[in-house]
PDB file of N, CA and C in Angstrom:
ATOM      1  N   UNK A   1      38.660  -0.070 -37.466  1.00  0.00           N
ATOM      2  CA  UNK A   1      38.032  -1.498 -36.986  1.00  0.00           C
ATOM      3  C   UNK A   1      36.802  -1.089 -36.116  1.00  0.00           C
ATOM      4  N   UNK A   2      36.835  -0.510 -34.829  1.00  0.00           N
ATOM      5  CA  UNK A   2      35.298   0.013 -34.355  1.00  0.00           C
ATOM      6  C   UNK A   2      34.126   0.724 -35.304  1.00  0.00           C
ATOM      7  N   UNK A   3      34.598   1.241 -35.970  1.00  0.00           N
ATOM      8  CA  UNK A   3      33.662   1.636 -37.111  1.00  0.00           C
ATOM      9  C   UNK A   3      33.051   0.330 -37.770  1.00  0.00           C
ATOM     10  N   UNK A   4      34.011  -1.048 -38.223  1.00  0.00           N
ATOM     11  CA  UNK A   4      33.151  -1.908 -39.014  1.00  0.00           C
ATOM     12  C   UNK A   4      32.540  -2.569 -37.752  1.00  0.00           C
ATOM     13  N   UNK A   5      33.002  -2.999 -36.540  1.00  0.00           N
ATOM     14  CA  UNK A   5      32.066  -3.546 -35.367  1.00  0.00           C
ATOM     15  C   UNK A   5      30.838  -2.665 -34.991  1.00  0.00           C
ATOM     16  N   UNK A   6      31.029  -1.524 -34.869  1.00  0.00           N
ATOM     17  CA  UNK A   6      29.723  -0.545 -34.867  1.00  0.00           C
ATOM     18  C   UNK A   6      28.305  -0.949 -35.999  1.00  0.00           C
ATOM     19  N   UNK A   7      29.043  -0.931 -36.995  1.00  0.00           N
ATOM     20  CA  UNK A   7      28.273  -1.326 -38.298  1.00  0.00           C
ATOM     21  C   UNK A   7      27.444  -2.789 -38.260  1.00  0.00           C
ATOM     22  N   UNK A   8      28.160  -3.959 -38.277  1.00  0.00           N
ATOM     23  CA  UNK A   8      27.716  -4.979 -37.728  1.00  0.00           C
ATOM     24  C   UNK A   8      26.738  -5.105 -36.810  1.00  0.00           C
ATOM     25  N   UNK A   9      27.236  -4.288 -35.776  1.00  0.00           N
ATOM     26  CA  UNK A   9      26.468  -4.742 -34.553  1.00  0.00           C
ATOM     27  C   UNK A   9      24.699  -4.059 -34.488  1.00  0.00           C
ATOM     28  N   UNK A  10      25.167  -2.820 -35.467  1.00  0.00           N
ATOM     29  CA  UNK A  10      24.134  -2.511 -35.758  1.00  0.00           C
ATOM     30  C   UNK A  10      22.930  -2.813 -36.338  1.00  0.00           C
ATOM     31  N   UNK A  11      23.381  -3.723 -37.219  1.00  0.00           N
ATOM     32  CA  UNK A  11      22.561  -4.868 -38.305  1.00  0.00           C
ATOM     33  C   UNK A  11      22.411  -5.935 -37.701  1.00  0.00           C
ATOM     34  N   UNK A  12      22.950  -6.227 -36.706  1.00  0.00           N
ATOM     35  CA  UNK A  12      22.752  -7.522 -36.203  1.00  0.00           C
ATOM     36  C   UNK A  12      21.691  -7.701 -35.394  1.00  0.00           C
ATOM     37  N   UNK A  13      21.644  -6.417 -34.384  1.00  0.00           N
ATOM     38  CA  UNK A  13      21.295  -5.942 -33.119  1.00  0.00           C
ATOM     39  C   UNK A  13      19.469  -6.718 -33.407  1.00  0.00           C
ATOM     40  N   UNK A  14      18.997  -6.152 -34.052  1.00  0.00           N
ATOM     41  CA  UNK A  14      17.464  -6.489 -34.406  1.00  0.00           C
ATOM     42  C   UNK A  14      16.890  -7.686 -34.685  1.00  0.00           C
ATOM     43  N   UNK A  15      17.896  -8.318 -35.675  1.00  0.00           N
ATOM     44  CA  UNK A  15      17.513  -9.528 -36.111  1.00  0.00           C
ATOM     45  C   UNK A  15      17.917 -10.640 -34.499  1.00  0.00           C
ATOM     46  N   UNK A  16      18.843 -10.422 -33.771  1.00  0.00           N
ATOM     47  CA  UNK A  16      18.732 -11.006 -32.579  1.00  0.00           C
ATOM     48  C   UNK A  16      18.040 -11.245 -31.592  1.00  0.00           C
ATOM     49  N   UNK A  17      17.360  -9.471 -31.628  1.00  0.00           N
ATOM     50  CA  UNK A  17      16.510  -9.364 -30.506  1.00  0.00           C
ATOM     51  C   UNK A  17      15.072 -10.150 -31.011  1.00  0.00           C
ATOM     52  N   UNK A  18      14.902 -10.109 -32.069  1.00  0.00           N
ATOM     53  CA  UNK A  18      13.323 -10.939 -32.377  1.00  0.00           C
ATOM     54  C   UNK A  18      12.670  -9.902 -32.550  1.00  0.00           C
ATOM     55  N   UNK A  19      11.552 -10.658 -32.174  1.00  0.00           N
ATOM     56  CA  UNK A  19      10.196  -9.415 -32.449  1.00  0.00           C
ATOM     57  C   UNK A  19       9.896  -8.286 -31.085  1.00  0.00           C
ATOM     58  N   UNK A  20      10.002  -7.450 -31.084  1.00  0.00           N
ATOM     59  CA  UNK A  20       9.690  -6.907 -29.428  1.00  0.00           C
ATOM     60  C   UNK A  20       8.295  -6.590 -29.688  1.00  0.00           C
ATOM     61  N   UNK A  21       8.015  -6.522 -27.785  1.00  0.00           N
ATOM     62  CA  UNK A  21       6.679  -6.381 -27.334  1.00  0.00           C
ATOM     63  C   UNK A  21       6.542  -4.990 -26.855  1.00  0.00           C
ATOM     64  N   UNK A  22       5.660  -3.996 -27.383  1.00  0.00           N
ATOM     65  CA  UNK A  22       5.357  -2.846 -27.377  1.00  0.00           C
ATOM     66  C   UNK A  22       4.309  -2.899 -26.029  1.00  0.00           C
ATOM     67  N   UNK A  23       4.549  -2.168 -24.986  1.00  0.00           N
ATOM     68  CA  UNK A  23       3.786  -2.251 -23.385  1.00  0.00           C
ATOM     69  C   UNK A  23       3.070  -0.819 -23.501  1.00  0.00           C
ATOM     70  N   UNK A  24       1.781  -0.812 -23.435  1.00  0.00           N
ATOM     71  CA  UNK A  24       1.284   0.725 -23.508  1.00  0.00           C
ATOM     72  C   UNK A  24       0.498   0.402 -21.980  1.00  0.00           C
ATOM     73  N   UNK A  25       0.726   1.741 -21.512  1.00  0.00           N
ATOM     74  CA  UNK A  25       0.117   1.925 -20.445  1.00  0.00           C
ATOM     75  C   UNK A  25      -1.581   2.381 -20.141  1.00  0.00           C
ATOM     76  N   UNK A  26      -2.449   1.872 -19.481  1.00  0.00           N
ATOM     77  CA  UNK A  26      -3.575   2.265 -19.382  1.00  0.00           C
ATOM     78  C   UNK A  26      -4.133   3.405 -18.330  1.00  0.00           C
ATOM     79  N   UNK A  27      -4.262   4.427 -19.171  1.00  0.00           N
ATOM     80  CA  UNK A  27      -4.280   6.143 -18.367  1.00  0.00           C
ATOM     81  C   UNK A  27      -5.606   6.111 -18.093  1.00  0.00           C
ATOM     82  N   UNK A  28      -6.404   6.291 -17.377  1.00  0.00           N
ATOM     83  CA  UNK A  28      -7.440   7.163 -17.118  1.00  0.00           C
ATOM     84  C   UNK A  28      -7.677   8.469 -16.453  1.00  0.00           C
ATOM     85  N   UNK A  29      -8.476   9.564 -17.417  1.00  0.00           N
ATOM     86  CA  UNK A  29      -8.138  10.875 -17.317  1.00  0.00           C
ATOM     87  C   UNK A  29      -9.421  11.403 -16.278  1.00  0.00           C
ATOM     88  N   UNK A  30     -10.291  10.613 -16.123  1.00  0.00           N
ATOM     89  CA  UNK A  30     -11.627  10.994 -15.286  1.00  0.00           C
ATOM     90  C   UNK A  30     -11.378  11.169 -14.060  1.00  0.00           C
ATOM     91  N   UNK A  31     -12.244  12.051 -13.257  1.00  0.00           N
ATOM     92  CA  UNK A  31     -11.932  11.864 -11.821  1.00  0.00           C
ATOM     93  C   UNK A  31     -12.812  10.725 -11.430  1.00  0.00           C
ATOM     94  N   UNK A  32     -11.947  10.470 -10.039  1.00  0.00           N
ATOM     95  CA  UNK A  32     -12.615   9.155  -9.293  1.00  0.00           C
ATOM     96  C   UNK A  32     -13.948   9.029  -9.052  1.00  0.00           C
ATOM     97  N   UNK A  33     -14.645   7.881  -9.624  1.00  0.00           N
ATOM     98  CA  UNK A  33     -15.969   7.206  -8.855  1.00  0.00           C
ATOM     99  C   UNK A  33     -16.647   7.646  -7.666  1.00  0.00           C
ATOM    100  N   UNK A  34     -15.646   7.316  -6.757  1.00  0.00           N
ATOM    101  CA  UNK A  34     -16.185   7.934  -5.368  1.00  0.00           C
ATOM    102  C   UNK A  34     -14.909   8.416  -4.959  1.00  0.00           C
ATOM    103  N   UNK A  35     -15.290   9.327  -4.135  1.00  0.00           N
ATOM    104  CA  UNK A  35     -14.320  10.366  -2.962  1.00  0.00           C
ATOM    105  C   UNK A  35     -14.183   9.340  -1.950  1.00  0.00           C
ATOM    106  N   UNK A  36     -12.709   9.627  -1.649  1.00  0.00           N
ATOM    107  CA  UNK A  36     -11.963   8.374  -0.821  1.00  0.00           C
ATOM    108  C   UNK A  36     -11.946   9.537   0.887  1.00  0.00           C
ATOM    109  N   UNK A  37     -12.948   9.076   1.690  1.00  0.00           N
ATOM    110  CA  UNK A  37     -12.730  10.446   2.873  1.00  0.00           C
ATOM    111  C   UNK A  37     -11.661  10.160   3.799  1.00  0.00           C
ATOM    112  N   UNK A  38     -12.099  11.358   4.909  1.00  0.00           N
ATOM    113  CA  UNK A  38     -10.713  10.968   5.837  1.00  0.00           C
ATOM    114  C   UNK A  38     -10.334   9.857   6.850  1.00  0.00           C
ATOM    115  N   UNK A  39     -11.631   9.442   7.042  1.00  0.00           N
ATOM    116  CA  UNK A  39     -11.308   7.918   7.943  1.00  0.00           C
ATOM    117  C   UNK A  39     -10.388   7.337   6.939  1.00  0.00           C
ATOM    118  N   UNK A  40     -10.854   6.672   5.903  1.00  0.00           N
ATOM    119  CA  UNK A  40     -10.492   6.005   4.984  1.00  0.00           C
ATOM    120  C   UNK A  40      -8.630   5.931   4.775  1.00  0.00           C
ATOM    121  N   UNK A  41      -8.653   7.278   4.325  1.00  0.00           N
ATOM    122  CA  UNK A  41      -7.274   7.631   4.150  1.00  0.00           C
ATOM    123  C   UNK A  41      -6.237   7.593   5.809  1.00  0.00           C
ATOM    124  N   UNK A  42      -6.795   7.773   6.396  1.00  0.00           N
ATOM    125  CA  UNK A  42      -6.010   7.661   7.986  1.00  0.00           C
ATOM    126  C   UNK A  42      -5.752   6.333   8.356  1.00  0.00           C
ATOM    127  N   UNK A  43      -6.770   5.792   8.018  1.00  0.00           N
ATOM    128  CA  UNK A  43      -6.702   4.399   8.421  1.00  0.00           C
ATOM    129  C   UNK A  43      -5.431   3.387   7.230  1.00  0.00           C
ATOM    130  N   UNK A  44      -5.406   4.034   6.222  1.00  0.00           N
ATOM    131  CA  UNK A  44      -4.814   3.254   4.938  1.00  0.00           C
ATOM    132  C   UNK A  44      -3.330   3.991   5.334  1.00  0.00           C
ATOM    133  N   UNK A  45      -3.095   5.205   5.670  1.00  0.00           N
ATOM    134  CA  UNK A  45      -1.875   5.375   6.106  1.00  0.00           C
ATOM    135  C   UNK A  45      -1.052   4.970   7.285  1.00  0.00           C
ATOM    136  N   UNK A  46      -2.515   4.493   8.370  1.00  0.00           N
ATOM    137  CA  UNK A  46      -1.920   3.984   9.404  1.00  0.00           C
ATOM    138  C   UNK A  46      -1.239   2.322   8.886  1.00  0.00           C
ATOM    139  N   UNK A  47      -2.021   2.039   8.360  1.00  0.00           N
ATOM    140  CA  UNK A  47      -1.737   0.570   8.091  1.00  0.00           C
ATOM    141  C   UNK A  47      -0.570   0.081   7.265  1.00  0.00           C
ATOM    142  N   UNK A  48      -0.239   1.366   5.944  1.00  0.00           N
ATOM    143  CA  UNK A  48       1.538   1.508   5.550  1.00  0.00           C
ATOM    144  C   UNK A  48       2.538   1.430   6.268  1.00  0.00           C
ATOM    145  N   UNK A  49       2.153   2.506   7.254  1.00  0.00           N
ATOM    146  CA  UNK A  49       3.428   2.959   8.333  1.00  0.00           C
ATOM    147  C   UNK A  49       3.519   1.784   9.486  1.00  0.00           C
ATOM    148  N   UNK A  50       2.319   1.447   9.565  1.00  0.00           N
ATOM    149  CA  UNK A  50       3.089  -0.230  10.339  1.00  0.00           C
ATOM    150  C   UNK A  50       3.789  -1.610   9.544  1.00  0.00           C
ATOM    151  N   UNK A  51       3.383  -1.467   8.350  1.00  0.00           N
ATOM    152  CA  UNK A  51       3.706  -2.513   7.658  1.00  0.00           C
ATOM    153  C   UNK A  51       5.246  -2.415   7.140  1.00  0.00           C
ATOM    154  N   UNK A  52       5.765  -0.865   7.154  1.00  0.00           N
ATOM    155  CA  UNK A  52       6.664  -0.646   6.546  1.00  0.00           C
ATOM    156  C   UNK A  52       7.894  -0.186   7.526  1.00  0.00           C
ATOM    157  N   UNK A  53       7.480   0.582   8.494  1.00  0.00           N
ATOM    158  CA  UNK A  53       8.065   0.721   9.720  1.00  0.00           C
ATOM    159  C   UNK A  53       8.089  -0.490  11.046  1.00  0.00           C
ATOM    160  N   UNK A  54       7.099  -1.027  11.254  1.00  0.00           N
ATOM    161  CA  UNK A  54       6.929  -2.370  11.922  1.00  0.00           C
ATOM    162  C   UNK A  54       8.203  -3.450  11.901  1.00  0.00           C
ATOM    163  N   UNK A  55       8.638  -3.868  10.984  1.00  0.00           N
ATOM    164  CA  UNK A  55       9.442  -5.249  10.837  1.00  0.00           C
ATOM    165  C   UNK A  55      10.948  -4.016  11.286  1.00  0.00           C
ATOM    166  N   UNK A  56      11.090  -3.383  10.466  1.00  0.00           N
ATOM    167  CA  UNK A  56      12.077  -2.290  11.318  1.00  0.00           C
ATOM    168  C   UNK A  56      12.324  -1.747  12.651  1.00  0.00           C
ATOM    169  N   UNK A  57      11.481  -1.482  13.144  1.00  0.00           N
ATOM    170  CA  UNK A  57      11.240  -1.242  14.717  1.00  0.00           C
ATOM    171  C   UNK A  57      11.608  -2.616  15.478  1.00  0.00           C
ATOM    172  N   UNK A  58      10.813  -3.654  14.939  1.00  0.00           N
ATOM    173  CA  UNK A  58      11.021  -4.787  15.643  1.00  0.00           C
ATOM    174  C   UNK A  58      12.787  -4.736  15.900  1.00  0.00           C
ATOM    175  N   UNK A  59      13.448  -5.118  14.599  1.00  0.00           N
ATOM    176  CA  UNK A  59      14.451  -5.419  14.457  1.00  0.00           C
ATOM    177  C   UNK A  59      15.581  -4.452  15.422  1.00  0.00           C
ATOM    178  N   UNK A  60      15.163  -3.367  15.730  1.00  0.00           N
ATOM    179  CA  UNK A  60      15.962  -2.273  16.053  1.00  0.00           C
ATOM    180  C   UNK A  60      15.435  -2.535  17.796  1.00  0.00           C
ATOM    181  N   UNK A  61      14.270  -2.744  18.198  1.00  0.00           N
ATOM    182  CA  UNK A  61      13.991  -3.266  19.392  1.00  0.00           C
ATOM    183  C   UNK A  61      14.892  -4.041  20.252  1.00  0.00           C
ATOM    184  N   UNK A  62      15.154  -5.240  19.482  1.00  0.00           N
ATOM    185  CA  UNK A  62      15.903  -6.574  19.752  1.00  0.00           C
ATOM    186  C   UNK A  62      17.065  -6.622  19.055  1.00  0.00           C
ATOM    187  N   UNK A  63      17.788  -5.730  18.430  1.00  0.00           N
ATOM    188  CA  UNK A  63      18.789  -5.903  18.047  1.00  0.00           C
ATOM    189  C   UNK A  63      20.202  -6.337  19.279  1.00  0.00           C
ATOM    190  N   UNK A  64      20.134  -6.037  20.612  1.00  0.00           N
ATOM    191  CA  UNK A  64      21.191  -6.572  21.388  1.00  0.00           C
ATOM    192  C   UNK A  64      20.832  -8.328  21.452  1.00  0.00           C
ATOM    193  N   UNK A  65      19.587  -8.566  21.432  1.00  0.00           N
ATOM    194  CA  UNK A  65      19.049 -10.027  21.163  1.00  0.00           C
ATOM    195  C   UNK A  65      20.183 -10.690  19.822  1.00  0.00           C
ATOM    196  N   UNK A  66      19.715 -10.207  19.150  1.00  0.00           N
ATOM    197  CA  UNK A  66      20.566 -10.645  17.487  1.00  0.00           C
ATOM    198  C   UNK A  66      22.138 -10.584  17.430  1.00  0.00           C
ATOM    199  N   UNK A  67      22.629  -9.852  18.833  1.00  0.00           N
ATOM    200  CA  UNK A  67      24.171  -9.810  18.764  1.00  0.00           C
ATOM    201  C   UNK A  67      24.600 -10.857  19.394  1.00  0.00           C
ATOM    202  N   UNK A  68      23.683 -11.556  20.124  1.00  0.00           N
ATOM    203  CA  UNK A  68      24.095 -12.222  21.269  1.00  0.00           C
ATOM    204  C   UNK A  68      24.313 -13.339  20.481  1.00  0.00           C
ATOM    205  N   UNK A  69      25.799 -14.427  20.819  1.00  0.00           N
ATOM    206  CA  UNK A  69      26.212 -15.305  20.051  1.00  0.00           C
ATOM    207  C   UNK A  69      25.585 -16.596  21.339  1.00  0.00           C
ATOM    208  N   UNK A  70      25.012 -17.694  21.118  1.00  0.00           N
ATOM    209  CA  UNK A  70      24.680 -18.645  21.503  1.00  0.00           C
ATOM    210  C   UNK A  70      24.716 -20.017  20.941  1.00  0.00           C
TER     211      UNK A  70
END
């Protein structure tokens, strides 16, 4: 019985799915047009750090306020 179900499923699956969309990635293998300097890299890393760690730091700093039931 499982073999029969597997056969039916393998034949019915493509029909039920319909047309599948093939996605391709756009990859470029050339070097960058402009080099990014140390200052730009440092600023970008600083912004990412603040954006990721800032909210969690805020919550941890105010954890006692959140524990209070008012």
